[in-house]
C-alpha atoms as a PDB file:
ATOM      1  CA  UNK A   1       0.000   0.000   0.000  1.00  0.00           C
ATOM      2  CA  UNK A   2       1.293   3.490  -0.817  1.00  0.00           C
ATOM      3  CA  UNK A   3       1.979   5.834   2.084  1.00  0.00           C
ATOM      4  CA  UNK A   4       0.166   9.161   1.699  1.00  0.00           C
ATOM      5  CA  UNK A   5       1.144  12.652   2.871  1.00  0.00           C
ATOM      6  CA  UNK A   6      -0.302  16.147   2.812  1.00  0.00           C
ATOM      7  CA  UNK A   7       2.260  18.955   2.626  1.00  0.00           C
ATOM      8  CA  UNK A   8       1.270  22.596   2.994  1.00  0.00           C
ATOM      9  CA  UNK A   9       4.164  24.332   1.229  1.00  0.00           C
ATOM     10  CA  UNK A  10       4.317  27.855   2.599  1.00  0.00           C
ATOM     11  CA  UNK A  11       4.686  30.753   0.213  1.00  0.00           C
ATOM     12  CA  UNK A  12       7.422  32.103   2.479  1.00  0.00           C
ATOM     13  CA  UNK A  13       9.591  29.293   1.073  1.00  0.00           C
ATOM     14  CA  UNK A  14       8.506  29.062  -2.550  1.00  0.00           C
ATOM     15  CA  UNK A  15       8.003  32.800  -3.146  1.00  0.00           C
ATOM     16  CA  UNK A  16       9.735  34.765  -0.340  1.00  0.00           C
ATOM     17  CA  UNK A  17      10.544  37.795  -2.533  1.00  0.00           C
ATOM     18  CA  UNK A  18      10.797  36.196  -5.926  1.00  0.00           C
ATOM     19  CA  UNK A  19      10.403  32.567  -6.970  1.00  0.00           C
ATOM     20  CA  UNK A  20      12.800  30.370  -4.991  1.00  0.00           C
ATOM     21  CA  UNK A  21      14.050  28.292  -7.918  1.00  0.00           C
ATOM     22  CA  UNK A  22      16.847  26.541  -6.007  1.00  0.00           C
ATOM     23  CA  UNK A  23      14.450  25.344  -3.306  1.00  0.00           C
ATOM     24  CA  UNK A  24      11.851  24.203  -5.844  1.00  0.00           C
ATOM     25  CA  UNK A  25      14.476  22.236  -7.753  1.00  0.00           C
ATOM     26  CA  UNK A  26      15.551  20.435  -4.575  1.00  0.00           C
ATOM     27  CA  UNK A  27      11.926  19.919  -3.538  1.00  0.00           C
ATOM     28  CA  UNK A  28      11.159  18.383  -6.932  1.00  0.00           C
ATOM     29  CA  UNK A  29      14.101  16.001  -6.596  1.00  0.00           C
ATOM     30  CA  UNK A  30      13.055  14.938  -3.079  1.00  0.00           C
ATOM     31  CA  UNK A  31       9.399  14.343  -3.931  1.00  0.00           C
ATOM     32  CA  UNK A  32      10.156  12.409  -7.127  1.00  0.00           C
ATOM     33  CA  UNK A  33      12.589  10.217  -5.183  1.00  0.00           C
ATOM     34  CA  UNK A  34       9.925   9.527  -2.575  1.00  0.00           C
ATOM     35  CA  UNK A  35       7.181   8.677  -5.069  1.00  0.00           C
ATOM     36  CA  UNK A  36       9.567   6.105  -6.513  1.00  0.00           C
ATOM     37  CA  UNK A  37       9.516   4.584  -2.995  1.00  0.00           C
ATOM     38  CA  UNK A  38       5.705   4.158  -3.089  1.00  0.00           C
ATOM     39  CA  UNK A  39       4.781   7.483  -1.468  1.00  0.00           C
ATOM     40  CA  UNK A  40       1.947   9.755  -2.633  1.00  0.00           C
ATOM     41  CA  UNK A  41       1.533  13.458  -1.906  1.00  0.00           C
ATOM     42  CA  UNK A  42      -1.063  16.180  -1.874  1.00  0.00           C
ATOM     43  CA  UNK A  43       0.878  19.463  -2.003  1.00  0.00           C
ATOM     44  CA  UNK A  44      -1.001  22.644  -1.078  1.00  0.00           C
ATOM     45  CA  UNK A  45       0.605  25.964  -1.958  1.00  0.00           C
ATOM     46  CA  UNK A  46       0.690  29.165   0.063  1.00  0.00           C
ATOM     47  CA  UNK A  47       0.753  32.691  -1.357  1.00  0.00           C
ATOM     48  CA  UNK A  48       4.013  34.203  -0.122  1.00  0.00           C
ATOM     49  CA  UNK A  49       5.269  37.599  -1.255  1.00  0.00           C
ATOM     50  CA  UNK A  50       2.958  37.543  -4.268  1.00  0.00           C
ATOM     51  CA  UNK A  51      -0.019  37.610  -1.921  1.00  0.00           C
ATOM     52  CA  UNK A  52       1.465  40.374   0.241  1.00  0.00           C
ATOM     53  CA  UNK A  53       2.282  42.581  -2.753  1.00  0.00           C
ATOM     54  CA  UNK A  54      -1.262  42.467  -4.122  1.00  0.00           C
ATOM     55  CA  UNK A  55      -2.809  43.000  -0.693  1.00  0.00           C
ATOM     56  CA  UNK A  56      -0.542  45.955   0.035  1.00  0.00           C
ATOM     57  CA  UNK A  57      -1.236  47.544  -3.348  1.00  0.00           C
ATOM     58  CA  UNK A  58      -5.004  47.263  -2.928  1.00  0.00           C
ATOM     59  CA  UNK A  59      -4.947  48.712   0.588  1.00  0.00           C
ATOM     60  CA  UNK A  60      -2.773  51.644  -0.514  1.00  0.00           C
ATOM     61  CA  UNK A  61      -5.379  52.638  -3.073  1.00  0.00           C
ATOM     62  CA  UNK A  62      -8.687  52.149  -1.291  1.00  0.00           C
ATOM     63  CA  UNK A  63     -10.460  50.523   1.635  1.00  0.00           C
ATOM     64  CA  UNK A  64     -10.670  46.798   0.950  1.00  0.00           C
ATOM     65  CA  UNK A  65     -12.817  44.165   2.668  1.00  0.00           C
ATOM     66  CA  UNK A  66     -11.285  41.141   4.351  1.00  0.00           C
ATOM     67  CA  UNK A  67     -13.116  38.953   1.839  1.00  0.00           C
ATOM     68  CA  UNK A  68     -11.476  40.694  -1.110  1.00  0.00           C
ATOM     69  CA  UNK A  69      -8.077  40.486   0.595  1.00  0.00           C
ATOM     70  CA  UNK A  70      -8.685  36.767   1.048  1.00  0.00           C
ATOM     71  CA  UNK A  71      -9.557  36.382  -2.636  1.00  0.00           C
ATOM     72  CA  UNK A  72      -6.326  38.104  -3.671  1.00  0.00           C
ATOM     73  CA  UNK A  73      -4.467  35.667  -1.430  1.00  0.00           C
ATOM     74  CA  UNK A  74      -6.382  32.705  -2.836  1.00  0.00           C
ATOM     75  CA  UNK A  75      -5.459  33.603  -6.400  1.00  0.00           C
ATOM     76  CA  UNK A  76      -1.823  34.045  -5.336  1.00  0.00           C
ATOM     77  CA  UNK A  77      -1.845  30.517  -3.885  1.00  0.00           C
ATOM     78  CA  UNK A  78      -3.369  29.218  -7.096  1.00  0.00           C
ATOM     79  CA  UNK A  79      -0.702  30.842  -9.258  1.00  0.00           C
ATOM     80  CA  UNK A  80       2.003  29.301  -7.077  1.00  0.00           C
ATOM     81  CA  UNK A  81       0.116  25.996  -7.263  1.00  0.00           C
ATOM     82  CA  UNK A  82       0.038  26.186 -11.077  1.00  0.00           C
ATOM     83  CA  UNK A  83       3.813  26.605 -10.993  1.00  0.00           C
ATOM     84  CA  UNK A  84       4.106  23.444  -8.882  1.00  0.00           C
ATOM     85  CA  UNK A  85       1.696  21.566 -11.148  1.00  0.00           C
ATOM     86  CA  UNK A  86       3.817  22.580 -14.132  1.00  0.00           C
ATOM     87  CA  UNK A  87       7.008  21.426 -12.414  1.00  0.00           C
ATOM     88  CA  UNK A  88       5.399  18.085 -11.566  1.00  0.00           C
ATOM     89  CA  UNK A  89       3.600  17.774 -14.910  1.00  0.00           C
ATOM     90  CA  UNK A  90       4.785  14.187 -15.481  1.00  0.00           C
ATOM     91  CA  UNK A  91       3.781  12.978 -12.029  1.00  0.00           C
ATOM     92  CA  UNK A  92       0.777  15.084 -10.958  1.00  0.00           C
ATOM     93  CA  UNK A  93      -2.926  15.168 -11.677  1.00  0.00           C
ATOM     94  CA  UNK A  94      -3.312  17.895 -14.335  1.00  0.00           C
ATOM     95  CA  UNK A  95      -6.372  19.302 -12.534  1.00  0.00           C
ATOM     96  CA  UNK A  96      -5.636  21.904  -9.875  1.00  0.00           C
ATOM     97  CA  UNK A  97      -7.325  21.079  -6.544  1.00  0.00           C
ATOM     98  CA  UNK A  98      -8.977  24.472  -5.929  1.00  0.00           C
ATOM     99  CA  UNK A  99     -12.333  23.409  -4.507  1.00  0.00           C
ATOM    100  CA  UNK A 100     -13.296  20.790  -1.957  1.00  0.00           C
ATOM    101  CA  UNK A 101     -14.506  17.642  -3.705  1.00  0.00           C
ATOM    102  CA  UNK A 102     -12.978  18.595  -7.056  1.00  0.00           C
ATOM    103  CA  UNK A 103     -10.604  15.641  -6.598  1.00  0.00           C
ATOM    104  CA  UNK A 104     -11.684  12.761  -4.350  1.00  0.00           C
ATOM    105  CA  UNK A 105      -8.862  10.235  -4.744  1.00  0.00           C
ATOM    106  CA  UNK A 106      -5.348   9.852  -6.096  1.00  0.00           C
ATOM    107  CA  UNK A 107      -6.497   7.675  -8.983  1.00  0.00           C
ATOM    108  CA  UNK A 108      -3.508   6.853 -11.166  1.00  0.00           C
ATOM    109  CA  UNK A 109      -1.481   9.846  -9.951  1.00  0.00           C
ATOM    110  CA  UNK A 110       1.208  10.038  -7.291  1.00  0.00           C
ATOM    111  CA  UNK A 111       0.873  13.800  -6.740  1.00  0.00           C
ATOM    112  CA  UNK A 112      -2.060  16.187  -6.429  1.00  0.00           C
ATOM    113  CA  UNK A 113      -1.489  19.952  -6.322  1.00  0.00           C
ATOM    114  CA  UNK A 114      -3.837  22.297  -4.501  1.00  0.00           C
ATOM    115  CA  UNK A 115      -4.272  26.017  -3.856  1.00  0.00           C
ATOM    116  CA  UNK A 116      -6.634  28.169  -1.830  1.00  0.00           C
ATOM    117  CA  UNK A 117     -10.354  27.379  -1.839  1.00  0.00           C
ATOM    118  CA  UNK A 118     -12.478  30.165  -0.387  1.00  0.00           C
ATOM    119  CA  UNK A 119     -12.322  33.204   1.925  1.00  0.00           C
ATOM    120  CA  UNK A 120     -12.284  32.821   5.689  1.00  0.00           C
ATOM    121  CA  UNK A 121      -9.073  30.862   6.269  1.00  0.00           C
ATOM    122  CA  UNK A 122      -5.581  30.294   4.913  1.00  0.00           C
ATOM    123  CA  UNK A 123      -4.420  27.346   2.840  1.00  0.00           C
ATOM    124  CA  UNK A 124      -3.502  25.644   6.156  1.00  0.00           C
ATOM    125  CA  UNK A 125      -7.213  24.820   6.346  1.00  0.00           C
ATOM    126  CA  UNK A 126      -7.104  23.311   2.852  1.00  0.00           C
ATOM    127  CA  UNK A 127      -4.277  20.993   3.916  1.00  0.00           C
ATOM    128  CA  UNK A 128      -6.143  19.849   7.021  1.00  0.00           C
ATOM    129  CA  UNK A 129      -9.462  19.377   5.191  1.00  0.00           C
ATOM    130  CA  UNK A 130      -7.812  17.305   2.474  1.00  0.00           C
ATOM    131  CA  UNK A 131      -6.150  15.145   5.123  1.00  0.00           C
ATOM    132  CA  UNK A 132      -9.553  14.552   6.735  1.00  0.00           C
ATOM    133  CA  UNK A 133     -11.287  13.835   3.415  1.00  0.00           C
ATOM    134  CA  UNK A 134      -8.525  11.526   2.146  1.00  0.00           C
ATOM    135  CA  UNK A 135      -8.202   9.747   5.523  1.00  0.00           C
ATOM    136  CA  UNK A 136      -4.574  10.834   5.873  1.00  0.00           C
ATOM    137  CA  UNK A 137      -3.695  11.151   9.575  1.00  0.00           C
ATOM    138  CA  UNK A 138      -1.459  14.199   9.404  1.00  0.00           C
ATOM    139  CA  UNK A 139      -0.592  17.398   7.579  1.00  0.00           C
ATOM    140  CA  UNK A 140       2.969  18.707   7.346  1.00  0.00           C
ATOM    141  CA  UNK A 141       3.192  22.507   7.336  1.00  0.00           C
ATOM    142  CA  UNK A 142       6.431  23.841   5.876  1.00  0.00           C
ATOM    143  CA  UNK A 143       7.312  27.509   6.181  1.00  0.00           C
ATOM    144  CA  UNK A 144       8.244  29.619   9.130  1.00  0.00           C
ATOM    145  CA  UNK A 145       8.775  29.182  12.012  1.00  0.00           C
ATOM    146  CA  UNK A 146      10.540  25.854  12.572  1.00  0.00           C
ATOM    147  CA  UNK A 147       8.566  25.266  15.763  1.00  0.00           C
ATOM    148  CA  UNK A 148       5.555  26.606  17.585  1.00  0.00           C
ATOM    149  CA  UNK A 149       6.885  28.944  20.287  1.00  0.00           C
ATOM    150  CA  UNK A 150       5.342  30.258  23.471  1.00  0.00           C
ATOM    151  CA  UNK A 151       5.808  33.796  22.090  1.00  0.00           C
ATOM    152  CA  UNK A 152       6.999  35.471  18.881  1.00  0.00           C
ATOM    153  CA  UNK A 153      10.513  34.116  18.366  1.00  0.00           C
ATOM    154  CA  UNK A 154      11.308  36.967  15.963  1.00  0.00           C
ATOM    155  CA  UNK A 155      10.703  39.479  18.731  1.00  0.00           C
ATOM    156  CA  UNK A 156      11.792  37.567  21.844  1.00  0.00           C
ATOM    157  CA  UNK A 157      15.171  35.825  22.011  1.00  0.00           C
ATOM    158  CA  UNK A 158      14.023  33.709  24.953  1.00  0.00           C
ATOM    159  CA  UNK A 159      10.966  32.313  23.144  1.00  0.00           C
ATOM    160  CA  UNK A 160      10.504  28.669  24.102  1.00  0.00           C
ATOM    161  CA  UNK A 161       9.890  26.084  21.342  1.00  0.00           C
ATOM    162  CA  UNK A 162       7.391  23.289  21.894  1.00  0.00           C
ATOM    163  CA  UNK A 163       8.075  19.781  20.627  1.00  0.00           C
ATOM    164  CA  UNK A 164       4.517  18.546  21.219  1.00  0.00           C
ATOM    165  CA  UNK A 165       1.249  20.305  21.952  1.00  0.00           C
ATOM    166  CA  UNK A 166      -2.373  19.338  22.259  1.00  0.00           C
ATOM    167  CA  UNK A 167      -4.791  21.319  20.130  1.00  0.00           C
ATOM    168  CA  UNK A 168      -6.423  22.917  23.158  1.00  0.00           C
ATOM    169  CA  UNK A 169      -2.979  24.146  24.280  1.00  0.00           C
ATOM    170  CA  UNK A 170      -2.128  25.477  20.828  1.00  0.00           C
ATOM    171  CA  UNK A 171      -5.425  27.340  20.484  1.00  0.00           C
ATOM    172  CA  UNK A 172      -4.647  29.299  23.657  1.00  0.00           C
ATOM    173  CA  UNK A 173      -1.482  30.660  22.013  1.00  0.00           C
ATOM    174  CA  UNK A 174      -3.121  32.220  18.940  1.00  0.00           C
ATOM    175  CA  UNK A 175      -6.028  34.571  18.107  1.00  0.00           C
ATOM    176  CA  UNK A 176      -9.419  32.873  18.135  1.00  0.00           C
ATOM    177  CA  UNK A 177     -10.644  34.370  14.853  1.00  0.00           C
ATOM    178  CA  UNK A 178      -9.247  34.387  11.314  1.00  0.00           C
ATOM    179  CA  UNK A 179      -7.783  37.604   9.958  1.00  0.00           C
ATOM    180  CA  UNK A 180      -6.009  37.948   6.591  1.00  0.00           C
ATOM    181  CA  UNK A 181      -3.288  39.965   8.360  1.00  0.00           C
ATOM    182  CA  UNK A 182      -2.646  37.323  11.039  1.00  0.00           C
ATOM    183  CA  UNK A 183       0.474  35.181  10.974  1.00  0.00           C
ATOM    184  CA  UNK A 184       0.335  31.969  12.999  1.00  0.00           C
ATOM    185  CA  UNK A 185       2.019  28.565  12.527  1.00  0.00           C
ATOM    186  CA  UNK A 186      -1.432  27.041  11.895  1.00  0.00           C
ATOM    187  CA  UNK A 187      -4.356  29.384  11.286  1.00  0.00           C
ATOM    188  CA  UNK A 188      -7.161  29.187  13.896  1.00  0.00           C
ATOM    189  CA  UNK A 189      -9.786  27.832  11.492  1.00  0.00           C
ATOM    190  CA  UNK A 190      -7.450  25.056  10.375  1.00  0.00           C
ATOM    191  CA  UNK A 191      -6.501  24.335  13.990  1.00  0.00           C
ATOM    192  CA  UNK A 192     -10.141  23.965  15.070  1.00  0.00           C
ATOM    193  CA  UNK A 193     -10.837  21.655  12.133  1.00  0.00           C
ATOM    194  CA  UNK A 194      -7.772  19.533  12.941  1.00  0.00           C
ATOM    195  CA  UNK A 195      -8.909  19.279  16.554  1.00  0.00           C
ATOM    196  CA  UNK A 196     -12.406  18.225  15.446  1.00  0.00           C
ATOM    197  CA  UNK A 197     -11.212  15.678  12.880  1.00  0.00           C
ATOM    198  CA  UNK A 198      -8.317  14.277  14.903  1.00  0.00           C
ATOM    199  CA  UNK A 199      -5.684  15.375  12.371  1.00  0.00           C
ATOM    200  CA  UNK A 200      -2.089  15.632  13.553  1.00  0.00           C
ATOM    201  CA  UNK A 201      -0.146  18.653  12.245  1.00  0.00           C
ATOM    202  CA  UNK A 202       3.630  18.906  12.132  1.00  0.00           C
ATOM    203  CA  UNK A 203       5.031  22.446  11.974  1.00  0.00           C
ATOM    204  CA  UNK A 204       8.329  21.722  10.272  1.00  0.00           C
ATOM    205  CA  UNK A 205      10.152  24.849   9.102  1.00  0.00           C
ATOM    206  CA  UNK A 206      11.737  24.894   5.681  1.00  0.00           C
ATOM    207  CA  UNK A 207      14.623  22.419   5.671  1.00  0.00           C
ATOM    208  CA  UNK A 208      14.200  19.675   3.077  1.00  0.00           C
ATOM    209  CA  UNK A 209      16.472  17.213   4.884  1.00  0.00           C
ATOM    210  CA  UNK A 210      14.108  17.595   7.838  1.00  0.00           C
ATOM    211  CA  UNK A 211      11.105  16.992   5.564  1.00  0.00           C
ATOM    212  CA  UNK A 212      12.759  13.834   4.288  1.00  0.00           C
ATOM    213  CA  UNK A 213      13.170  12.628   7.876  1.00  0.00           C
ATOM    214  CA  UNK A 214       9.457  13.201   8.535  1.00  0.00           C
ATOM    215  CA  UNK A 215       8.434  11.347   5.387  1.00  0.00           C
ATOM    216  CA  UNK A 216      10.720   8.431   6.205  1.00  0.00           C
ATOM    217  CA  UNK A 217       9.620   8.196   9.850  1.00  0.00           C
ATOM    218  CA  UNK A 218      12.930   9.359  11.308  1.00  0.00           C
ATOM    219  CA  UNK A 219      13.684  11.864  14.074  1.00  0.00           C
ATOM    220  CA  UNK A 220      12.931  15.414  12.977  1.00  0.00           C
ATOM    221  CA  UNK A 221      12.866  19.023  14.155  1.00  0.00           C
ATOM    222  CA  UNK A 222       9.490  20.652  14.585  1.00  0.00           C
ATOM    223  CA  UNK A 223       6.337  20.816  16.673  1.00  0.00           C
ATOM    224  CA  UNK A 224       3.746  18.033  16.569  1.00  0.00           C
ATOM    225  CA  UNK A 225       0.217  19.188  17.440  1.00  0.00           C
ATOM    226  CA  UNK A 226      -2.358  16.480  18.092  1.00  0.00           C
END
């Protein structure tokens, strides 16, 4: 039986300022090696700098609703997802997974590529919902930070990383409601869904050797929330 994974690939890695070609090349090599070892992947793209640039431009010009900001972000995730689908053209389902139920199984493909679905959450939620629908027990979130911390590790040098958390503990660390401007390791809507569906999430940073360890069941760096 193939072993299945959901990876939320943060835009902060794939499109931090421009397209991170070196990372994507290494990511392609890793994933194609793993599918040769009977692994299958759903890869969900984030928006990254592309999302931020469009949001900032709109807000500089006029007052913009949160829903419209979300839609700009969704289309940014979809453009990044189309790039991934193009890179994995030989291995991936040619249909972009941009709506729940649009793809219901792997079929003859080893890779499925997804982007944002609808306003009201980030693509973290997409990764968790796909895991629940496909009966995959966990979602791997790559991006920043490498761990969940007890406070903002960019602001506080003494921020404490967690290796394991329960969902109720994690939810106390973040805002309760979704906001397009919020930045959390797992967005609150995705976190509540994961808690409800019993999905484990690994917050794993951006190192591909670390991702390989997760995929292969070895010791890794990151925070497991369950």
